Amino acid sequence: LGHNYPDSQWYADSYQLLQKGGLEPRENAGSWIARAGK
């Protein structure tokens, strides 16, 4: 989401949600989401 829509409010909300758990966006190349993202 961030790679394709860095200025999106949806990305801002997602980033904030991950930060609550001490996480950050990180792509797993083996994920179906990464493949679909191409």
ModelCIF file with pLDDT and N, C-alpha, C, O atoms, coordinates in Angstrom:
data_MODEL
#
_entry.id   MODEL 
#
_entity.id                         1 
_entity.type                       polymer 
_entity.pdbx_number_of_molecules   1 
#
_entity_poly.entity_id                      1 
_entity_poly.type                           'polypeptide(L)' 
_entity_poly.nstd_linkage                   no 
_entity_poly.nstd_monomer                   no 
_entity_poly.pdbx_seq_one_letter_code       LGHNYPDSQWYADSYQLLQKGGLEPRENAGSWIARAGK 
_entity_poly.pdbx_seq_one_letter_code_can   LGHNYPDSQWYADSYQLLQKGGLEPRENAGSWIARAGK 
_entity_poly.pdbx_strand_id                 A 
#
loop_
_entity_poly_seq.entity_id 
_entity_poly_seq.num 
_entity_poly_seq.mon_id 
_entity_poly_seq.hetero 
1 1  LEU n 
1 2  GLY n 
1 3  HIS n 
1 4  ASN n 
1 5  TYR n 
1 6  PRO n 
1 7  ASP n 
1 8  SER n 
1 9  GLN n 
1 10 TRP n 
1 11 TYR n 
1 12 ALA n 
1 13 ASP n 
1 14 SER n 
1 15 TYR n 
1 16 GLN n 
1 17 LEU n 
1 18 LEU n 
1 19 GLN n 
1 20 LYS n 
1 21 GLY n 
1 22 GLY n 
1 23 LEU n 
1 24 GLU n 
1 25 PRO n 
1 26 ARG n 
1 27 GLU n 
1 28 ASN n 
1 29 ALA n 
1 30 GLY n 
1 31 SER n 
1 32 TRP n 
1 33 ILE n 
1 34 ALA n 
1 35 ARG n 
1 36 ALA n 
1 37 GLY n 
1 38 LYS n 
#
_struct_asym.id          A 
_struct_asym.entity_id   1 
#
loop_
_ma_qa_metric.id 
_ma_qa_metric.mode 
_ma_qa_metric.name 
_ma_qa_metric.software_group_id 
_ma_qa_metric.type 
1 global pLDDT . pLDDT 
2 local  pLDDT . pLDDT 
#
_ma_qa_metric_global.metric_id      1 
_ma_qa_metric_global.metric_value   96.18 
_ma_qa_metric_global.model_id       1 
_ma_qa_metric_global.ordinal_id     1 
#
loop_
_ma_qa_metric_local.label_asym_id 
_ma_qa_metric_local.label_comp_id 
_ma_qa_metric_local.label_seq_id 
_ma_qa_metric_local.metric_id 
_ma_qa_metric_local.metric_value 
_ma_qa_metric_local.model_id 
_ma_qa_metric_local.ordinal_id 
A LEU 1  2 97.00 1 1  
A GLY 2  2 97.00 1 2  
A HIS 3  2 95.00 1 3  
A ASN 4  2 95.00 1 4  
A TYR 5  2 96.00 1 5  
A PRO 6  2 96.00 1 6  
A ASP 7  2 97.00 1 7  
A SER 8  2 96.00 1 8  
A GLN 9  2 98.00 1 9  
A TRP 10 2 98.00 1 10 
A TYR 11 2 98.00 1 11 
A ALA 12 2 98.00 1 12 
A ASP 13 2 98.00 1 13 
A SER 14 2 98.00 1 14 
A TYR 15 2 98.00 1 15 
A GLN 16 2 98.00 1 16 
A LEU 17 2 98.00 1 17 
A LEU 18 2 98.00 1 18 
A GLN 19 2 97.00 1 19 
A LYS 20 2 96.00 1 20 
A GLY 21 2 95.00 1 21 
A GLY 22 2 97.00 1 22 
A LEU 23 2 97.00 1 23 
A GLU 24 2 97.00 1 24 
A PRO 25 2 98.00 1 25 
A ARG 26 2 97.00 1 26 
A GLU 27 2 96.00 1 27 
A ASN 28 2 96.00 1 28 
A ALA 29 2 94.00 1 29 
A GLY 30 2 95.00 1 30 
A SER 31 2 97.00 1 31 
A TRP 32 2 97.00 1 32 
A ILE 33 2 97.00 1 33 
A ALA 34 2 96.00 1 34 
A ARG 35 2 94.00 1 35 
A ALA 36 2 94.00 1 36 
A GLY 37 2 90.00 1 37 
A LYS 38 2 86.00 1 38 
#
loop_
_atom_site.group_PDB 
_atom_site.id 
_atom_site.type_symbol 
_atom_site.label_atom_id 
_atom_site.label_alt_id 
_atom_site.label_comp_id 
_atom_site.label_asym_id 
_atom_site.label_entity_id 
_atom_site.label_seq_id 
_atom_site.pdbx_PDB_ins_code 
_atom_site.Cartn_x 
_atom_site.Cartn_y 
_atom_site.Cartn_z 
_atom_site.occupancy 
_atom_site.B_iso_or_equiv 
_atom_site.pdbx_formal_charge 
_atom_site.auth_seq_id 
_atom_site.auth_comp_id 
_atom_site.auth_asym_id 
_atom_site.auth_atom_id 
_atom_site.pdbx_PDB_model_num 
ATOM 1   N N  . LEU A 1 1  ? 0.831  -1.202  0.000   1.00 97.00 ? 1  LEU A N  1 
ATOM 2   C CA . LEU A 1 1  ? 0.000  0.000   0.000   1.00 97.00 ? 1  LEU A CA 1 
ATOM 3   C C  . LEU A 1 1  ? 0.867  1.254   0.000   1.00 97.00 ? 1  LEU A C  1 
ATOM 4   O O  . LEU A 1 1  ? 0.625  2.180   -0.774  1.00 97.00 ? 1  LEU A O  1 
ATOM 5   N N  . GLY A 1 2  ? 1.868  1.285   0.860   1.00 97.00 ? 2  GLY A N  1 
ATOM 6   C CA . GLY A 1 2  ? 2.723  2.455   0.955   1.00 97.00 ? 2  GLY A CA 1 
ATOM 7   C C  . GLY A 1 2  ? 3.575  2.678   -0.284  1.00 97.00 ? 2  GLY A C  1 
ATOM 8   O O  . GLY A 1 2  ? 3.841  3.815   -0.674  1.00 97.00 ? 2  GLY A O  1 
ATOM 9   N N  . HIS A 1 3  ? 3.999  1.580   -0.896  1.00 95.00 ? 3  HIS A N  1 
ATOM 10  C CA . HIS A 1 3  ? 4.835  1.685   -2.094  1.00 95.00 ? 3  HIS A CA 1 
ATOM 11  C C  . HIS A 1 3  ? 4.054  2.294   -3.257  1.00 95.00 ? 3  HIS A C  1 
ATOM 12  O O  . HIS A 1 3  ? 4.589  3.087   -4.032  1.00 95.00 ? 3  HIS A O  1 
ATOM 13  N N  . ASN A 1 4  ? 2.796  1.914   -3.364  1.00 95.00 ? 4  ASN A N  1 
ATOM 14  C CA . ASN A 1 4  ? 1.982  2.360   -4.490  1.00 95.00 ? 4  ASN A CA 1 
ATOM 15  C C  . ASN A 1 4  ? 1.183  3.629   -4.211  1.00 95.00 ? 4  ASN A C  1 
ATOM 16  O O  . ASN A 1 4  ? 0.905  4.411   -5.120  1.00 95.00 ? 4  ASN A O  1 
ATOM 17  N N  . TYR A 1 5  ? 0.817  3.823   -2.947  1.00 96.00 ? 5  TYR A N  1 
ATOM 18  C CA . TYR A 1 5  ? -0.016 4.985   -2.596  1.00 96.00 ? 5  TYR A CA 1 
ATOM 19  C C  . TYR A 1 5  ? 0.548  5.646   -1.330  1.00 96.00 ? 5  TYR A C  1 
ATOM 20  O O  . TYR A 1 5  ? -0.112 5.650   -0.291  1.00 96.00 ? 5  TYR A O  1 
ATOM 21  N N  . PRO A 1 6  ? 1.740  6.194   -1.410  1.00 96.00 ? 6  PRO A N  1 
ATOM 22  C CA . PRO A 1 6  ? 2.398  6.712   -0.195  1.00 96.00 ? 6  PRO A CA 1 
ATOM 23  C C  . PRO A 1 6  ? 1.660  7.878   0.456   1.00 96.00 ? 6  PRO A C  1 
ATOM 24  O O  . PRO A 1 6  ? 1.826  8.112   1.653   1.00 96.00 ? 6  PRO A O  1 
ATOM 25  N N  . ASP A 1 7  ? 0.865  8.602   -0.291  1.00 97.00 ? 7  ASP A N  1 
ATOM 26  C CA . ASP A 1 7  ? 0.146  9.752   0.254   1.00 97.00 ? 7  ASP A CA 1 
ATOM 27  C C  . ASP A 1 7  ? -1.279 9.427   0.659   1.00 97.00 ? 7  ASP A C  1 
ATOM 28  O O  . ASP A 1 7  ? -2.043 10.320  1.026   1.00 97.00 ? 7  ASP A O  1 
ATOM 29  N N  . SER A 1 8  ? -1.636 8.165   0.594   1.00 96.00 ? 8  SER A N  1 
ATOM 30  C CA . SER A 1 8  ? -3.000 7.750   0.888   1.00 96.00 ? 8  SER A CA 1 
ATOM 31  C C  . SER A 1 8  ? -3.293 7.817   2.387   1.00 96.00 ? 8  SER A C  1 
ATOM 32  O O  . SER A 1 8  ? -2.442 7.467   3.204   1.00 96.00 ? 8  SER A O  1 
ATOM 33  N N  . GLN A 1 9  ? -4.473 8.257   2.737   1.00 98.00 ? 9  GLN A N  1 
ATOM 34  C CA . GLN A 1 9  ? -4.904 8.231   4.129   1.00 98.00 ? 9  GLN A CA 1 
ATOM 35  C C  . GLN A 1 9  ? -5.013 6.795   4.619   1.00 98.00 ? 9  GLN A C  1 
ATOM 36  O O  . GLN A 1 9  ? -4.778 6.511   5.794   1.00 98.00 ? 9  GLN A O  1 
ATOM 37  N N  . TRP A 1 10 ? -5.377 5.882   3.699   1.00 98.00 ? 10 TRP A N  1 
ATOM 38  C CA . TRP A 1 10 ? -5.443 4.467   4.068   1.00 98.00 ? 10 TRP A CA 1 
ATOM 39  C C  . TRP A 1 10 ? -4.068 3.960   4.502   1.00 98.00 ? 10 TRP A C  1 
ATOM 40  O O  . TRP A 1 10 ? -3.967 3.156   5.429   1.00 98.00 ? 10 TRP A O  1 
ATOM 41  N N  . TYR A 1 11 ? -3.012 4.426   3.835   1.00 98.00 ? 11 TYR A N  1 
ATOM 42  C CA . TYR A 1 11 ? -1.664 4.024   4.226   1.00 98.00 ? 11 TYR A CA 1 
ATOM 43  C C  . TYR A 1 11 ? -1.287 4.622   5.575   1.00 98.00 ? 11 TYR A C  1 
ATOM 44  O O  . TYR A 1 11 ? -0.687 3.951   6.415   1.00 98.00 ? 11 TYR A O  1 
ATOM 45  N N  . ALA A 1 12 ? -1.642 5.888   5.775   1.00 98.00 ? 12 ALA A N  1 
ATOM 46  C CA . ALA A 1 12 ? -1.348 6.537   7.057   1.00 98.00 ? 12 ALA A CA 1 
ATOM 47  C C  . ALA A 1 12 ? -2.006 5.786   8.211   1.00 98.00 ? 12 ALA A C  1 
ATOM 48  O O  . ALA A 1 12 ? -1.396 5.585   9.261   1.00 98.00 ? 12 ALA A O  1 
ATOM 49  N N  . ASP A 1 13 ? -3.255 5.374   8.006   1.00 98.00 ? 13 ASP A N  1 
ATOM 50  C CA . ASP A 1 13 ? -3.971 4.635   9.051   1.00 98.00 ? 13 ASP A CA 1 
ATOM 51  C C  . ASP A 1 13 ? -3.338 3.267   9.295   1.00 98.00 ? 13 ASP A C  1 
ATOM 52  O O  . ASP A 1 13 ? -3.217 2.821   10.436  1.00 98.00 ? 13 ASP A O  1 
ATOM 53  N N  . SER A 1 14 ? -2.933 2.604   8.198   1.00 98.00 ? 14 SER A N  1 
ATOM 54  C CA . SER A 1 14 ? -2.318 1.283   8.332   1.00 98.00 ? 14 SER A CA 1 
ATOM 55  C C  . SER A 1 14 ? -0.977 1.375   9.045   1.00 98.00 ? 14 SER A C  1 
ATOM 56  O O  . SER A 1 14 ? -0.656 0.540   9.891   1.00 98.00 ? 14 SER A O  1 
ATOM 57  N N  . TYR A 1 15 ? -0.207 2.377   8.705   1.00 98.00 ? 15 TYR A N  1 
ATOM 58  C CA . TYR A 1 15 ? 1.097  2.582   9.338   1.00 98.00 ? 15 TYR A CA 1 
ATOM 59  C C  . TYR A 1 15 ? 0.933  2.808   10.832  1.00 98.00 ? 15 TYR A C  1 
ATOM 60  O O  . TYR A 1 15 ? 1.682  2.267   11.645  1.00 98.00 ? 15 TYR A O  1 
ATOM 61  N N  . GLN A 1 16 ? -0.052 3.610   11.175  1.00 98.00 ? 16 GLN A N  1 
ATOM 62  C CA . GLN A 1 16 ? -0.308 3.911   12.597  1.00 98.00 ? 16 GLN A CA 1 
ATOM 63  C C  . GLN A 1 16 ? -0.737 2.659   13.342  1.00 98.00 ? 16 GLN A C  1 
ATOM 64  O O  . GLN A 1 16 ? -0.343 2.452   14.489  1.00 98.00 ? 16 GLN A O  1 
ATOM 65  N N  . LEU A 1 17 ? -1.546 1.819   12.697  1.00 98.00 ? 17 LEU A N  1 
ATOM 66  C CA . LEU A 1 17 ? -1.998 0.583   13.333  1.00 98.00 ? 17 LEU A CA 1 
ATOM 67  C C  . LEU A 1 17 ? -0.808 -0.332  13.629  1.00 98.00 ? 17 LEU A C  1 
ATOM 68  O O  . LEU A 1 17 ? -0.713 -0.893  14.720  1.00 98.00 ? 17 LEU A O  1 
ATOM 69  N N  . LEU A 1 18 ? 0.085  -0.479  12.675  1.00 98.00 ? 18 LEU A N  1 
ATOM 70  C CA . LEU A 1 18 ? 1.267  -1.326  12.893  1.00 98.00 ? 18 LEU A CA 1 
ATOM 71  C C  . LEU A 1 18 ? 2.166  -0.768  13.993  1.00 98.00 ? 18 LEU A C  1 
ATOM 72  O O  . LEU A 1 18 ? 2.719  -1.524  14.791  1.00 98.00 ? 18 LEU A O  1 
ATOM 73  N N  . GLN A 1 19 ? 2.309  0.545   14.032  1.00 97.00 ? 19 GLN A N  1 
ATOM 74  C CA . GLN A 1 19 ? 3.167  1.168   15.041  1.00 97.00 ? 19 GLN A CA 1 
ATOM 75  C C  . GLN A 1 19 ? 2.683  0.872   16.458  1.00 97.00 ? 19 GLN A C  1 
ATOM 76  O O  . GLN A 1 19 ? 3.484  0.777   17.388  1.00 97.00 ? 19 GLN A O  1 
ATOM 77  N N  . LYS A 1 20 ? 1.378  0.729   16.616  1.00 96.00 ? 20 LYS A N  1 
ATOM 78  C CA . LYS A 1 20 ? 0.830  0.414   17.935  1.00 96.00 ? 20 LYS A CA 1 
ATOM 79  C C  . LYS A 1 20 ? 1.393  -0.903  18.461  1.00 96.00 ? 20 LYS A C  1 
ATOM 80  O O  . LYS A 1 20 ? 1.541  -1.084  19.670  1.00 96.00 ? 20 LYS A O  1 
ATOM 81  N N  . GLY A 1 21 ? 1.697  -1.800  17.567  1.00 95.00 ? 21 GLY A N  1 
ATOM 82  C CA . GLY A 1 21 ? 2.250  -3.094  17.967  1.00 95.00 ? 21 GLY A CA 1 
ATOM 83  C C  . GLY A 1 21 ? 3.757  -3.145  17.826  1.00 95.00 ? 21 GLY A C  1 
ATOM 84  O O  . GLY A 1 21 ? 4.355  -4.220  17.877  1.00 95.00 ? 21 GLY A O  1 
ATOM 85  N N  . GLY A 1 22 ? 4.376  -1.982  17.647  1.00 97.00 ? 22 GLY A N  1 
ATOM 86  C CA . GLY A 1 22 ? 5.815  -1.940  17.496  1.00 97.00 ? 22 GLY A CA 1 
ATOM 87  C C  . GLY A 1 22 ? 6.298  -2.481  16.162  1.00 97.00 ? 22 GLY A C  1 
ATOM 88  O O  . GLY A 1 22 ? 7.432  -2.949  16.054  1.00 97.00 ? 22 GLY A O  1 
ATOM 89  N N  . LEU A 1 23 ? 5.451  -2.421  15.149  1.00 97.00 ? 23 LEU A N  1 
ATOM 90  C CA . LEU A 1 23 ? 5.784  -2.959  13.831  1.00 97.00 ? 23 LEU A CA 1 
ATOM 91  C C  . LEU A 1 23 ? 5.856  -1.835  12.803  1.00 97.00 ? 23 LEU A C  1 
ATOM 92  O O  . LEU A 1 23 ? 5.472  -0.696  13.068  1.00 97.00 ? 23 LEU A O  1 
ATOM 93  N N  . GLU A 1 24 ? 6.353  -2.186  11.636  1.00 97.00 ? 24 GLU A N  1 
ATOM 94  C CA . GLU A 1 24 ? 6.374  -1.239  10.522  1.00 97.00 ? 24 GLU A CA 1 
ATOM 95  C C  . GLU A 1 24 ? 6.139  -2.009  9.225   1.00 97.00 ? 24 GLU A C  1 
ATOM 96  O O  . GLU A 1 24 ? 6.307  -3.229  9.203   1.00 97.00 ? 24 GLU A O  1 
ATOM 97  N N  . PRO A 1 25 ? 5.757  -1.335  8.153   1.00 98.00 ? 25 PRO A N  1 
ATOM 98  C CA . PRO A 1 25 ? 5.554  -2.028  6.877   1.00 98.00 ? 25 PRO A CA 1 
ATOM 99  C C  . PRO A 1 25 ? 6.826  -2.733  6.424   1.00 98.00 ? 25 PRO A C  1 
ATOM 100 O O  . PRO A 1 25 ? 7.908  -2.146  6.442   1.00 98.00 ? 25 PRO A O  1 
ATOM 101 N N  . ARG A 1 26 ? 6.695  -3.976  6.022   1.00 97.00 ? 26 ARG A N  1 
ATOM 102 C CA . ARG A 1 26 ? 7.847  -4.743  5.544   1.00 97.00 ? 26 ARG A CA 1 
ATOM 103 C C  . ARG A 1 26 ? 7.333  -5.831  4.618   1.00 97.00 ? 26 ARG A C  1 
ATOM 104 O O  . ARG A 1 26 ? 6.512  -6.660  5.008   1.00 97.00 ? 26 ARG A O  1 
ATOM 105 N N  . GLU A 1 27 ? 7.822  -5.817  3.397   1.00 96.00 ? 27 GLU A N  1 
ATOM 106 C CA . GLU A 1 27 ? 7.290  -6.745  2.400   1.00 96.00 ? 27 GLU A CA 1 
ATOM 107 C C  . GLU A 1 27 ? 7.953  -8.109  2.495   1.00 96.00 ? 27 GLU A C  1 
ATOM 108 O O  . GLU A 1 27 ? 9.178  -8.224  2.528   1.00 96.00 ? 27 GLU A O  1 
ATOM 109 N N  . ASN A 1 28 ? 7.119  -9.139  2.538   1.00 96.00 ? 28 ASN A N  1 
ATOM 110 C CA . ASN A 1 28 ? 7.563  -10.525 2.454   1.00 96.00 ? 28 ASN A CA 1 
ATOM 111 C C  . ASN A 1 28 ? 7.368  -10.963 1.004   1.00 96.00 ? 28 ASN A C  1 
ATOM 112 O O  . ASN A 1 28 ? 6.236  -11.114 0.542   1.00 96.00 ? 28 ASN A O  1 
ATOM 113 N N  . ALA A 1 29 ? 8.468  -11.164 0.293   1.00 94.00 ? 29 ALA A N  1 
ATOM 114 C CA . ALA A 1 29 ? 8.397  -11.459 -1.135  1.00 94.00 ? 29 ALA A CA 1 
ATOM 115 C C  . ALA A 1 29 ? 7.629  -12.742 -1.439  1.00 94.00 ? 29 ALA A C  1 
ATOM 116 O O  . ALA A 1 29 ? 7.137  -12.913 -2.555  1.00 94.00 ? 29 ALA A O  1 
ATOM 117 N N  . GLY A 1 30 ? 7.519  -13.639 -0.477  1.00 95.00 ? 30 GLY A N  1 
ATOM 118 C CA . GLY A 1 30 ? 6.815  -14.888 -0.709  1.00 95.00 ? 30 GLY A CA 1 
ATOM 119 C C  . GLY A 1 30 ? 5.314  -14.801 -0.497  1.00 95.00 ? 30 GLY A C  1 
ATOM 120 O O  . GLY A 1 30 ? 4.594  -15.774 -0.724  1.00 95.00 ? 30 GLY A O  1 
ATOM 121 N N  . SER A 1 31 ? 4.841  -13.648 -0.066  1.00 97.00 ? 31 SER A N  1 
ATOM 122 C CA . SER A 1 31 ? 3.409  -13.482 0.214   1.00 97.00 ? 31 SER A CA 1 
ATOM 123 C C  . SER A 1 31 ? 2.602  -13.313 -1.074  1.00 97.00 ? 31 SER A C  1 
ATOM 124 O O  . SER A 1 31 ? 3.081  -12.748 -2.057  1.00 97.00 ? 31 SER A O  1 
ATOM 125 N N  . TRP A 1 32 ? 1.377  -13.813 -1.043  1.00 97.00 ? 32 TRP A N  1 
ATOM 126 C CA . TRP A 1 32 ? 0.489  -13.602 -2.184  1.00 97.00 ? 32 TRP A CA 1 
ATOM 127 C C  . TRP A 1 32 ? 0.243  -12.114 -2.407  1.00 97.00 ? 32 TRP A C  1 
ATOM 128 O O  . TRP A 1 32 ? 0.019  -11.677 -3.536  1.00 97.00 ? 32 TRP A O  1 
ATOM 129 N N  . ILE A 1 33 ? 0.284  -11.341 -1.331  1.00 97.00 ? 33 ILE A N  1 
ATOM 130 C CA . ILE A 1 33 ? 0.045  -9.904  -1.447  1.00 97.00 ? 33 ILE A CA 1 
ATOM 131 C C  . ILE A 1 33 ? 1.169  -9.241  -2.232  1.00 97.00 ? 33 ILE A C  1 
ATOM 132 O O  . ILE A 1 33 ? 0.916  -8.359  -3.053  1.00 97.00 ? 33 ILE A O  1 
ATOM 133 N N  . ALA A 1 34 ? 2.401  -9.657  -1.987  1.00 96.00 ? 34 ALA A N  1 
ATOM 134 C CA . ALA A 1 34 ? 3.544  -9.113  -2.731  1.00 96.00 ? 34 ALA A CA 1 
ATOM 135 C C  . ALA A 1 34 ? 3.437  -9.452  -4.207  1.00 96.00 ? 34 ALA A C  1 
ATOM 136 O O  . ALA A 1 34 ? 3.713  -8.613  -5.065  1.00 96.00 ? 34 ALA A O  1 
ATOM 137 N N  . ARG A 1 35 ? 3.032  -10.694 -4.505  1.00 94.00 ? 35 ARG A N  1 
ATOM 138 C CA . ARG A 1 35 ? 2.878  -11.089 -5.914  1.00 94.00 ? 35 ARG A CA 1 
ATOM 139 C C  . ARG A 1 35 ? 1.762  -10.293 -6.581  1.00 94.00 ? 35 ARG A C  1 
ATOM 140 O O  . ARG A 1 35 ? 1.910  -9.829  -7.712  1.00 94.00 ? 35 ARG A O  1 
ATOM 141 N N  . ALA A 1 36 ? 0.654  -10.140 -5.880  1.00 94.00 ? 36 ALA A N  1 
ATOM 142 C CA . ALA A 1 36 ? -0.464 -9.376  -6.436  1.00 94.00 ? 36 ALA A CA 1 
ATOM 143 C C  . ALA A 1 36 ? -0.097 -7.906  -6.583  1.00 94.00 ? 36 ALA A C  1 
ATOM 144 O O  . ALA A 1 36 ? -0.562 -7.226  -7.497  1.00 94.00 ? 36 ALA A O  1 
ATOM 145 N N  . GLY A 1 37 ? 0.736  -7.429  -5.680  1.00 90.00 ? 37 GLY A N  1 
ATOM 146 C CA . GLY A 1 37 ? 1.127  -6.021  -5.727  1.00 90.00 ? 37 GLY A CA 1 
ATOM 147 C C  . GLY A 1 37 ? 1.875  -5.652  -6.988  1.00 90.00 ? 37 GLY A C  1 
ATOM 148 O O  . GLY A 1 37 ? 1.872  -4.488  -7.389  1.00 90.00 ? 37 GLY A O  1 
ATOM 149 N N  . LYS A 1 38 ? 2.522  -6.630  -7.627  1.00 86.00 ? 38 LYS A N  1 
ATOM 150 C CA . LYS A 1 38 ? 3.237  -6.357  -8.876  1.00 86.00 ? 38 LYS A CA 1 
ATOM 151 C C  . LYS A 1 38 ? 2.285  -5.940  -9.983  1.00 86.00 ? 38 LYS A C  1 
ATOM 152 O O  . LYS A 1 38 ? 2.720  -5.673  -11.103 1.00 86.00 ? 38 LYS A O  1 
#
